[in-house]
Amino acid sequence: FKSMAEQVTKYQRGTPDRFRSRPRGSSSSPPRTRMRSQSPKLTVPKTPQLSTRGRLRPNHVLSQAEREEMELEEAKKHQFHAKGVGETVPKYKYADVERKPCTVPEPFHFNETTRPKAQPVVMDKLEPFHPRPLRKKILEGPIGVPEKKVIPVIEPASPAFALKQRMG
Protein backbone atom coordinates (compact mmCIF):
# COMPACT_ATOMS: atom_id res chain seq x y z
CA PHE A 1 0.00 0.00 0.00
CA LYS A 2 1.26 3.45 -0.95
CA SER A 3 -0.30 6.63 0.32
CA MET A 4 -1.72 9.20 -2.08
CA ALA A 5 0.98 11.73 -1.14
CA GLU A 6 3.75 9.26 -2.05
CA GLN A 7 2.10 8.50 -5.39
CA VAL A 8 1.75 12.22 -6.22
CA THR A 9 5.38 13.03 -5.36
CA LYS A 10 6.60 10.05 -7.40
CA TYR A 11 4.51 11.20 -10.37
CA GLN A 12 5.81 14.77 -10.13
CA ARG A 13 9.46 13.65 -9.89
CA GLY A 14 9.07 11.17 -12.75
CA THR A 15 7.54 13.63 -15.24
CA PRO A 16 10.22 15.15 -17.51
CA ASP A 17 10.41 18.92 -17.95
CA ARG A 18 9.42 18.79 -21.62
CA PHE A 19 5.97 17.49 -20.61
CA ARG A 20 5.35 20.17 -17.98
CA SER A 21 3.33 23.25 -18.90
CA ARG A 22 5.32 26.47 -19.31
CA PRO A 23 4.22 29.88 -18.01
CA ARG A 24 2.43 32.05 -20.58
CA GLY A 25 4.50 35.21 -20.06
CA SER A 26 7.91 33.96 -21.16
CA SER A 27 8.33 31.54 -24.03
CA SER A 28 11.92 30.43 -23.39
CA SER A 29 12.76 30.58 -19.71
CA PRO A 30 14.78 28.18 -17.60
CA PRO A 31 12.82 25.71 -15.46
CA ARG A 32 11.71 27.19 -12.16
CA THR A 33 13.22 26.17 -8.90
CA ARG A 34 11.47 26.48 -5.58
CA MET A 35 12.20 29.59 -3.64
CA ARG A 36 12.36 29.12 0.10
CA SER A 37 10.95 31.73 2.40
CA GLN A 38 13.48 33.97 4.11
CA SER A 39 12.57 33.07 7.68
CA PRO A 40 10.95 29.88 8.79
CA LYS A 41 7.70 30.36 10.70
CA LEU A 42 5.95 28.21 13.21
CA THR A 43 3.09 26.12 11.95
CA VAL A 44 -0.21 27.20 13.42
CA PRO A 45 -2.42 24.14 13.93
CA LYS A 46 -6.05 24.36 12.81
CA THR A 47 -8.79 21.93 13.70
CA PRO A 48 -10.33 20.15 10.73
CA GLN A 49 -14.00 21.01 10.27
CA LEU A 50 -15.25 17.45 10.04
CA SER A 51 -18.85 16.89 9.04
CA THR A 52 -19.34 14.23 11.69
CA ARG A 53 -19.37 16.84 14.46
CA GLY A 54 -22.52 18.43 13.10
CA ARG A 55 -24.27 15.14 12.49
CA LEU A 56 -27.22 14.50 14.75
CA ARG A 57 -27.77 10.92 15.76
CA PRO A 58 -30.43 9.61 18.10
CA ASN A 59 -29.06 8.79 21.54
CA HIS A 60 -31.93 6.46 22.39
CA VAL A 61 -32.90 3.44 20.30
CA LEU A 62 -36.57 2.47 20.54
CA SER A 63 -37.36 -0.96 21.88
CA GLN A 64 -39.86 -3.32 20.24
CA ALA A 65 -42.59 -2.45 22.76
CA GLU A 66 -42.09 1.32 22.29
CA ARG A 67 -42.12 0.91 18.50
CA GLU A 68 -45.37 -1.08 18.64
CA GLU A 69 -46.89 1.55 20.94
CA MET A 70 -45.96 4.35 18.50
CA GLU A 71 -47.44 2.37 15.57
CA LEU A 72 -50.64 1.85 17.58
CA GLU A 73 -50.91 5.61 18.27
CA GLU A 74 -50.30 6.33 14.58
CA ALA A 75 -53.02 3.85 13.60
CA LYS A 76 -55.44 5.49 16.07
CA LYS A 77 -54.74 8.89 14.48
CA HIS A 78 -55.61 7.61 11.02
CA GLN A 79 -58.53 5.45 12.12
CA PHE A 80 -61.69 5.44 10.00
CA HIS A 81 -64.61 7.33 11.54
CA ALA A 82 -68.02 6.64 10.02
CA LYS A 83 -70.22 9.67 9.44
CA GLY A 84 -73.91 9.70 10.22
CA VAL A 85 -76.52 9.24 7.51
CA GLY A 86 -77.16 12.47 5.66
CA GLU A 87 -74.17 14.43 7.00
CA THR A 88 -72.40 14.45 3.65
CA VAL A 89 -75.60 14.89 1.61
CA PRO A 90 -76.45 18.54 0.89
CA LYS A 91 -79.61 19.80 2.54
CA TYR A 92 -82.73 19.96 0.36
CA LYS A 93 -83.51 23.66 0.00
CA TYR A 94 -86.99 23.63 -1.57
CA ALA A 95 -89.53 21.81 0.57
CA ASP A 96 -89.92 18.78 2.77
CA VAL A 97 -89.86 15.52 0.82
CA GLU A 98 -92.96 13.38 1.18
CA ARG A 99 -92.09 10.31 3.20
CA LYS A 100 -93.50 7.00 2.03
CA PRO A 101 -94.76 4.49 4.58
CA CYS A 102 -92.75 1.35 5.26
CA THR A 103 -93.73 -1.87 3.54
CA VAL A 104 -96.05 -3.98 5.64
CA PRO A 105 -95.26 -7.70 5.33
CA GLU A 106 -98.22 -9.91 4.51
CA PRO A 107 -98.38 -13.69 4.97
CA PHE A 108 -98.50 -16.00 1.94
CA HIS A 109 -101.82 -17.63 1.00
CA PHE A 110 -101.38 -20.67 -1.18
CA ASN A 111 -104.97 -21.53 -2.00
CA GLU A 112 -106.21 -22.95 -5.27
CA THR A 113 -108.77 -20.18 -5.50
CA THR A 114 -106.15 -17.44 -5.88
CA ARG A 115 -103.77 -19.50 -8.03
CA PRO A 116 -103.94 -18.86 -11.80
CA LYS A 117 -105.10 -21.92 -13.69
CA ALA A 118 -102.78 -23.49 -16.27
CA GLN A 119 -103.94 -23.45 -19.89
CA PRO A 120 -104.36 -26.96 -21.29
CA VAL A 121 -102.24 -27.75 -24.38
CA VAL A 122 -104.40 -28.38 -27.41
CA MET A 123 -103.01 -31.08 -29.74
CA ASP A 124 -105.48 -30.43 -32.55
CA LYS A 125 -103.80 -27.18 -33.64
CA LEU A 126 -100.50 -28.88 -34.62
CA GLU A 127 -99.97 -29.24 -38.36
CA PRO A 128 -99.01 -32.66 -39.76
CA PHE A 129 -95.32 -33.27 -40.55
CA HIS A 130 -94.38 -33.49 -44.27
CA PRO A 131 -90.72 -34.46 -44.92
CA ARG A 132 -88.94 -33.21 -48.02
CA PRO A 133 -87.28 -35.74 -50.36
CA LEU A 134 -83.54 -36.37 -49.88
CA ARG A 135 -81.09 -35.46 -52.66
CA LYS A 136 -79.26 -38.48 -54.07
CA LYS A 137 -75.95 -36.57 -54.37
CA ILE A 138 -75.62 -36.40 -50.56
CA LEU A 139 -75.38 -40.17 -50.38
CA GLU A 140 -72.46 -40.25 -52.86
CA GLY A 141 -70.00 -38.31 -50.69
CA PRO A 142 -69.26 -34.98 -48.97
CA ILE A 143 -70.45 -31.84 -50.76
CA GLY A 144 -68.59 -28.52 -50.83
CA VAL A 145 -65.19 -29.89 -49.70
CA PRO A 146 -62.46 -29.47 -52.36
CA GLU A 147 -60.63 -32.61 -53.43
CA LYS A 148 -57.23 -33.21 -51.90
CA LYS A 149 -54.30 -32.30 -54.16
CA VAL A 150 -51.83 -35.12 -54.77
CA ILE A 151 -48.28 -33.95 -54.04
CA PRO A 152 -45.62 -35.63 -56.20
CA VAL A 153 -43.11 -37.80 -54.32
CA ILE A 154 -39.55 -36.39 -54.29
CA GLU A 155 -36.89 -38.92 -55.21
CA PRO A 156 -33.56 -38.52 -53.38
CA ALA A 157 -30.55 -37.66 -55.54
CA SER A 158 -26.85 -38.13 -54.76
CA PRO A 159 -25.02 -34.97 -53.68
CA ALA A 160 -22.19 -35.86 -56.09
CA PHE A 161 -24.46 -35.57 -59.12
CA ALA A 162 -22.15 -33.11 -60.91
CA LEU A 163 -18.93 -35.14 -60.48
CA LYS A 164 -19.33 -37.01 -63.79
CA GLN A 165 -19.77 -33.75 -65.68
CA ARG A 166 -16.73 -32.15 -64.02
CA MET A 167 -14.50 -35.11 -64.66
CA GLY A 168 -15.45 -35.55 -68.28
C-alpha atoms as a PDB file:
ATOM      1  CA  PHE A   1       0.000   0.000   0.000  1.00  0.00           C
ATOM      2  CA  LYS A   2       1.259   3.449  -0.955  1.00  0.00           C
ATOM      3  CA  SER A   3      -0.300   6.631   0.318  1.00  0.00           C
ATOM      4  CA  MET A   4      -1.717   9.198  -2.081  1.00  0.00           C
ATOM      5  CA  ALA A   5       0.983  11.731  -1.142  1.00  0.00           C
ATOM      6  CA  GLU A   6       3.751   9.257  -2.045  1.00  0.00           C
ATOM      7  CA  GLN A   7       2.101   8.495  -5.392  1.00  0.00           C
ATOM      8  CA  VAL A   8       1.746  12.222  -6.222  1.00  0.00           C
ATOM      9  CA  THR A   9       5.375  13.029  -5.358  1.00  0.00           C
ATOM     10  CA  LYS A  10       6.602  10.050  -7.397  1.00  0.00           C
ATOM     11  CA  TYR A  11       4.507  11.199 -10.368  1.00  0.00           C
ATOM     12  CA  GLN A  12       5.810  14.766 -10.127  1.00  0.00           C
ATOM     13  CA  ARG A  13       9.464  13.648  -9.891  1.00  0.00           C
ATOM     14  CA  GLY A  14       9.070  11.167 -12.748  1.00  0.00           C
ATOM     15  CA  THR A  15       7.535  13.629 -15.236  1.00  0.00           C
ATOM     16  CA  PRO A  16      10.223  15.146 -17.512  1.00  0.00           C
ATOM     17  CA  ASP A  17      10.412  18.923 -17.952  1.00  0.00           C
ATOM     18  CA  ARG A  18       9.423  18.792 -21.619  1.00  0.00           C
ATOM     19  CA  PHE A  19       5.966  17.489 -20.609  1.00  0.00           C
ATOM     20  CA  ARG A  20       5.354  20.173 -17.975  1.00  0.00           C
ATOM     21  CA  SER A  21       3.326  23.249 -18.896  1.00  0.00           C
ATOM     22  CA  ARG A  22       5.325  26.473 -19.308  1.00  0.00           C
ATOM     23  CA  PRO A  23       4.216  29.877 -18.007  1.00  0.00           C
ATOM     24  CA  ARG A  24       2.433  32.054 -20.581  1.00  0.00           C
ATOM     25  CA  GLY A  25       4.497  35.214 -20.065  1.00  0.00           C
ATOM     26  CA  SER A  26       7.911  33.958 -21.162  1.00  0.00           C
ATOM     27  CA  SER A  27       8.328  31.543 -24.031  1.00  0.00           C
ATOM     28  CA  SER A  28      11.923  30.427 -23.392  1.00  0.00           C
ATOM     29  CA  SER A  29      12.757  30.580 -19.710  1.00  0.00           C
ATOM     30  CA  PRO A  30      14.784  28.184 -17.596  1.00  0.00           C
ATOM     31  CA  PRO A  31      12.819  25.710 -15.463  1.00  0.00           C
ATOM     32  CA  ARG A  32      11.706  27.195 -12.160  1.00  0.00           C
ATOM     33  CA  THR A  33      13.222  26.169  -8.899  1.00  0.00           C
ATOM     34  CA  ARG A  34      11.470  26.477  -5.582  1.00  0.00           C
ATOM     35  CA  MET A  35      12.204  29.588  -3.636  1.00  0.00           C
ATOM     36  CA  ARG A  36      12.361  29.120   0.098  1.00  0.00           C
ATOM     37  CA  SER A  37      10.952  31.728   2.396  1.00  0.00           C
ATOM     38  CA  GLN A  38      13.483  33.973   4.107  1.00  0.00           C
ATOM     39  CA  SER A  39      12.566  33.071   7.681  1.00  0.00           C
ATOM     40  CA  PRO A  40      10.948  29.876   8.789  1.00  0.00           C
ATOM     41  CA  LYS A  41       7.702  30.356  10.703  1.00  0.00           C
ATOM     42  CA  LEU A  42       5.948  28.214  13.206  1.00  0.00           C
ATOM     43  CA  THR A  43       3.092  26.118  11.949  1.00  0.00           C
ATOM     44  CA  VAL A  44      -0.211  27.197  13.420  1.00  0.00           C
ATOM     45  CA  PRO A  45      -2.417  24.136  13.928  1.00  0.00           C
ATOM     46  CA  LYS A  46      -6.051  24.362  12.805  1.00  0.00           C
ATOM     47  CA  THR A  47      -8.790  21.929  13.701  1.00  0.00           C
ATOM     48  CA  PRO A  48     -10.334  20.153  10.734  1.00  0.00           C
ATOM     49  CA  GLN A  49     -14.001  21.008  10.269  1.00  0.00           C
ATOM     50  CA  LEU A  50     -15.253  17.451  10.044  1.00  0.00           C
ATOM     51  CA  SER A  51     -18.853  16.890   9.043  1.00  0.00           C
ATOM     52  CA  THR A  52     -19.340  14.227  11.694  1.00  0.00           C
ATOM     53  CA  ARG A  53     -19.371  16.844  14.462  1.00  0.00           C
ATOM     54  CA  GLY A  54     -22.516  18.430  13.097  1.00  0.00           C
ATOM     55  CA  ARG A  55     -24.267  15.141  12.489  1.00  0.00           C
ATOM     56  CA  LEU A  56     -27.220  14.498  14.751  1.00  0.00           C
ATOM     57  CA  ARG A  57     -27.768  10.924  15.755  1.00  0.00           C
ATOM     58  CA  PRO A  58     -30.433   9.608  18.102  1.00  0.00           C
ATOM     59  CA  ASN A  59     -29.064   8.789  21.541  1.00  0.00           C
ATOM     60  CA  HIS A  60     -31.934   6.460  22.395  1.00  0.00           C
ATOM     61  CA  VAL A  61     -32.902   3.437  20.297  1.00  0.00           C
ATOM     62  CA  LEU A  62     -36.569   2.471  20.542  1.00  0.00           C
ATOM     63  CA  SER A  63     -37.359  -0.965  21.884  1.00  0.00           C
ATOM     64  CA  GLN A  64     -39.861  -3.321  20.239  1.00  0.00           C
ATOM     65  CA  ALA A  65     -42.593  -2.450  22.764  1.00  0.00           C
ATOM     66  CA  GLU A  66     -42.085   1.316  22.286  1.00  0.00           C
ATOM     67  CA  ARG A  67     -42.124   0.906  18.500  1.00  0.00           C
ATOM     68  CA  GLU A  68     -45.371  -1.076  18.642  1.00  0.00           C
ATOM     69  CA  GLU A  69     -46.895   1.553  20.940  1.00  0.00           C
ATOM     70  CA  MET A  70     -45.965   4.347  18.499  1.00  0.00           C
ATOM     71  CA  GLU A  71     -47.443   2.370  15.569  1.00  0.00           C
ATOM     72  CA  LEU A  72     -50.643   1.851  17.584  1.00  0.00           C
ATOM     73  CA  GLU A  73     -50.909   5.606  18.274  1.00  0.00           C
ATOM     74  CA  GLU A  74     -50.303   6.327  14.580  1.00  0.00           C
ATOM     75  CA  ALA A  75     -53.023   3.847  13.604  1.00  0.00           C
ATOM     76  CA  LYS A  76     -55.437   5.494  16.068  1.00  0.00           C
ATOM     77  CA  LYS A  77     -54.739   8.889  14.484  1.00  0.00           C
ATOM     78  CA  HIS A  78     -55.614   7.613  11.022  1.00  0.00           C
ATOM     79  CA  GLN A  79     -58.533   5.448  12.119  1.00  0.00           C
ATOM     80  CA  PHE A  80     -61.693   5.444   9.999  1.00  0.00           C
ATOM     81  CA  HIS A  81     -64.613   7.332  11.543  1.00  0.00           C
ATOM     82  CA  ALA A  82     -68.016   6.643  10.017  1.00  0.00           C
ATOM     83  CA  LYS A  83     -70.219   9.669   9.437  1.00  0.00           C
ATOM     84  CA  GLY A  84     -73.906   9.703  10.219  1.00  0.00           C
ATOM     85  CA  VAL A  85     -76.518   9.239   7.509  1.00  0.00           C
ATOM     86  CA  GLY A  86     -77.158  12.469   5.663  1.00  0.00           C
ATOM     87  CA  GLU A  87     -74.167  14.427   7.005  1.00  0.00           C
ATOM     88  CA  THR A  88     -72.403  14.452   3.653  1.00  0.00           C
ATOM     89  CA  VAL A  89     -75.602  14.886   1.606  1.00  0.00           C
ATOM     90  CA  PRO A  90     -76.445  18.544   0.893  1.00  0.00           C
ATOM     91  CA  LYS A  91     -79.611  19.801   2.537  1.00  0.00           C
ATOM     92  CA  TYR A  92     -82.732  19.962   0.364  1.00  0.00           C
ATOM     93  CA  LYS A  93     -83.511  23.662   0.004  1.00  0.00           C
ATOM     94  CA  TYR A  94     -86.989  23.632  -1.571  1.00  0.00           C
ATOM     95  CA  ALA A  95     -89.528  21.806   0.571  1.00  0.00           C
ATOM     96  CA  ASP A  96     -89.917  18.776   2.768  1.00  0.00           C
ATOM     97  CA  VAL A  97     -89.861  15.520   0.823  1.00  0.00           C
ATOM     98  CA  GLU A  98     -92.956  13.379   1.180  1.00  0.00           C
ATOM     99  CA  ARG A  99     -92.091  10.314   3.204  1.00  0.00           C
ATOM    100  CA  LYS A 100     -93.499   6.998   2.032  1.00  0.00           C
ATOM    101  CA  PRO A 101     -94.762   4.495   4.580  1.00  0.00           C
ATOM    102  CA  CYS A 102     -92.753   1.347   5.258  1.00  0.00           C
ATOM    103  CA  THR A 103     -93.728  -1.870   3.536  1.00  0.00           C
ATOM    104  CA  VAL A 104     -96.053  -3.983   5.638  1.00  0.00           C
ATOM    105  CA  PRO A 105     -95.259  -7.695   5.334  1.00  0.00           C
ATOM    106  CA  GLU A 106     -98.217  -9.911   4.505  1.00  0.00           C
ATOM    107  CA  PRO A 107     -98.375 -13.686   4.969  1.00  0.00           C
ATOM    108  CA  PHE A 108     -98.498 -16.002   1.945  1.00  0.00           C
ATOM    109  CA  HIS A 109    -101.815 -17.627   0.998  1.00  0.00           C
ATOM    110  CA  PHE A 110    -101.384 -20.673  -1.183  1.00  0.00           C
ATOM    111  CA  ASN A 111    -104.970 -21.530  -2.001  1.00  0.00           C
ATOM    112  CA  GLU A 112    -106.209 -22.947  -5.265  1.00  0.00           C
ATOM    113  CA  THR A 113    -108.765 -20.178  -5.500  1.00  0.00           C
ATOM    114  CA  THR A 114    -106.148 -17.443  -5.885  1.00  0.00           C
ATOM    115  CA  ARG A 115    -103.774 -19.496  -8.033  1.00  0.00           C
ATOM    116  CA  PRO A 116    -103.941 -18.855 -11.800  1.00  0.00           C
ATOM    117  CA  LYS A 117    -105.096 -21.917 -13.695  1.00  0.00           C
ATOM    118  CA  ALA A 118    -102.776 -23.485 -16.269  1.00  0.00           C
ATOM    119  CA  GLN A 119    -103.935 -23.454 -19.892  1.00  0.00           C
ATOM    120  CA  PRO A 120    -104.357 -26.961 -21.291  1.00  0.00           C
ATOM    121  CA  VAL A 121    -102.238 -27.745 -24.384  1.00  0.00           C
ATOM    122  CA  VAL A 122    -104.403 -28.383 -27.407  1.00  0.00           C
ATOM    123  CA  MET A 123    -103.013 -31.080 -29.742  1.00  0.00           C
ATOM    124  CA  ASP A 124    -105.476 -30.427 -32.549  1.00  0.00           C
ATOM    125  CA  LYS A 125    -103.799 -27.185 -33.644  1.00  0.00           C
ATOM    126  CA  LEU A 126    -100.503 -28.879 -34.622  1.00  0.00           C
ATOM    127  CA  GLU A 127     -99.966 -29.243 -38.365  1.00  0.00           C
ATOM    128  CA  PRO A 128     -99.013 -32.662 -39.760  1.00  0.00           C
ATOM    129  CA  PHE A 129     -95.322 -33.268 -40.554  1.00  0.00           C
ATOM    130  CA  HIS A 130     -94.382 -33.487 -44.269  1.00  0.00           C
ATOM    131  CA  PRO A 131     -90.724 -34.460 -44.918  1.00  0.00           C
ATOM    132  CA  ARG A 132     -88.940 -33.206 -48.020  1.00  0.00           C
ATOM    133  CA  PRO A 133     -87.276 -35.739 -50.358  1.00  0.00           C
ATOM    134  CA  LEU A 134     -83.536 -36.367 -49.880  1.00  0.00           C
ATOM    135  CA  ARG A 135     -81.093 -35.456 -52.658  1.00  0.00           C
ATOM    136  CA  LYS A 136     -79.257 -38.477 -54.068  1.00  0.00           C
ATOM    137  CA  LYS A 137     -75.954 -36.565 -54.372  1.00  0.00           C
ATOM    138  CA  ILE A 138     -75.622 -36.399 -50.561  1.00  0.00           C
ATOM    139  CA  LEU A 139     -75.382 -40.168 -50.378  1.00  0.00           C
ATOM    140  CA  GLU A 140     -72.456 -40.248 -52.861  1.00  0.00           C
ATOM    141  CA  GLY A 141     -70.005 -38.309 -50.689  1.00  0.00           C
ATOM    142  CA  PRO A 142     -69.261 -34.977 -48.975  1.00  0.00           C
ATOM    143  CA  ILE A 143     -70.455 -31.844 -50.765  1.00  0.00           C
ATOM    144  CA  GLY A 144     -68.590 -28.518 -50.825  1.00  0.00           C
ATOM    145  CA  VAL A 145     -65.193 -29.886 -49.700  1.00  0.00           C
ATOM    146  CA  PRO A 146     -62.464 -29.474 -52.357  1.00  0.00           C
ATOM    147  CA  GLU A 147     -60.633 -32.607 -53.429  1.00  0.00           C
ATOM    148  CA  LYS A 148     -57.228 -33.212 -51.897  1.00  0.00           C
ATOM    149  CA  LYS A 149     -54.297 -32.305 -54.161  1.00  0.00           C
ATOM    150  CA  VAL A 150     -51.827 -35.117 -54.766  1.00  0.00           C
ATOM    151  CA  ILE A 151     -48.283 -33.947 -54.035  1.00  0.00           C
ATOM    152  CA  PRO A 152     -45.621 -35.631 -56.199  1.00  0.00           C
ATOM    153  CA  VAL A 153     -43.106 -37.803 -54.319  1.00  0.00           C
ATOM    154  CA  ILE A 154     -39.546 -36.386 -54.288  1.00  0.00           C
ATOM    155  CA  GLU A 155     -36.890 -38.924 -55.206  1.00  0.00           C
ATOM    156  CA  PRO A 156     -33.556 -38.516 -53.375  1.00  0.00           C
ATOM    157  CA  ALA A 157     -30.545 -37.658 -55.542  1.00  0.00           C
ATOM    158  CA  SER A 158     -26.854 -38.130 -54.763  1.00  0.00           C
ATOM    159  CA  PRO A 159     -25.017 -34.975 -53.677  1.00  0.00           C
ATOM    160  CA  ALA A 160     -22.188 -35.865 -56.087  1.00  0.00           C
ATOM    161  CA  PHE A 161     -24.463 -35.574 -59.121  1.00  0.00           C
ATOM    162  CA  ALA A 162     -22.150 -33.107 -60.908  1.00  0.00           C
ATOM    163  CA  LEU A 163     -18.929 -35.144 -60.480  1.00  0.00           C
ATOM    164  CA  LYS A 164     -19.330 -37.010 -63.787  1.00  0.00           C
ATOM    165  CA  GLN A 165     -19.766 -33.747 -65.679  1.00  0.00           C
ATOM    166  CA  ARG A 166     -16.733 -32.146 -64.017  1.00  0.00           C
ATOM    167  CA  MET A 167     -14.498 -35.110 -64.662  1.00  0.00           C
ATOM    168  CA  GLY A 168     -15.450 -35.546 -68.275  1.00  0.00           C
END
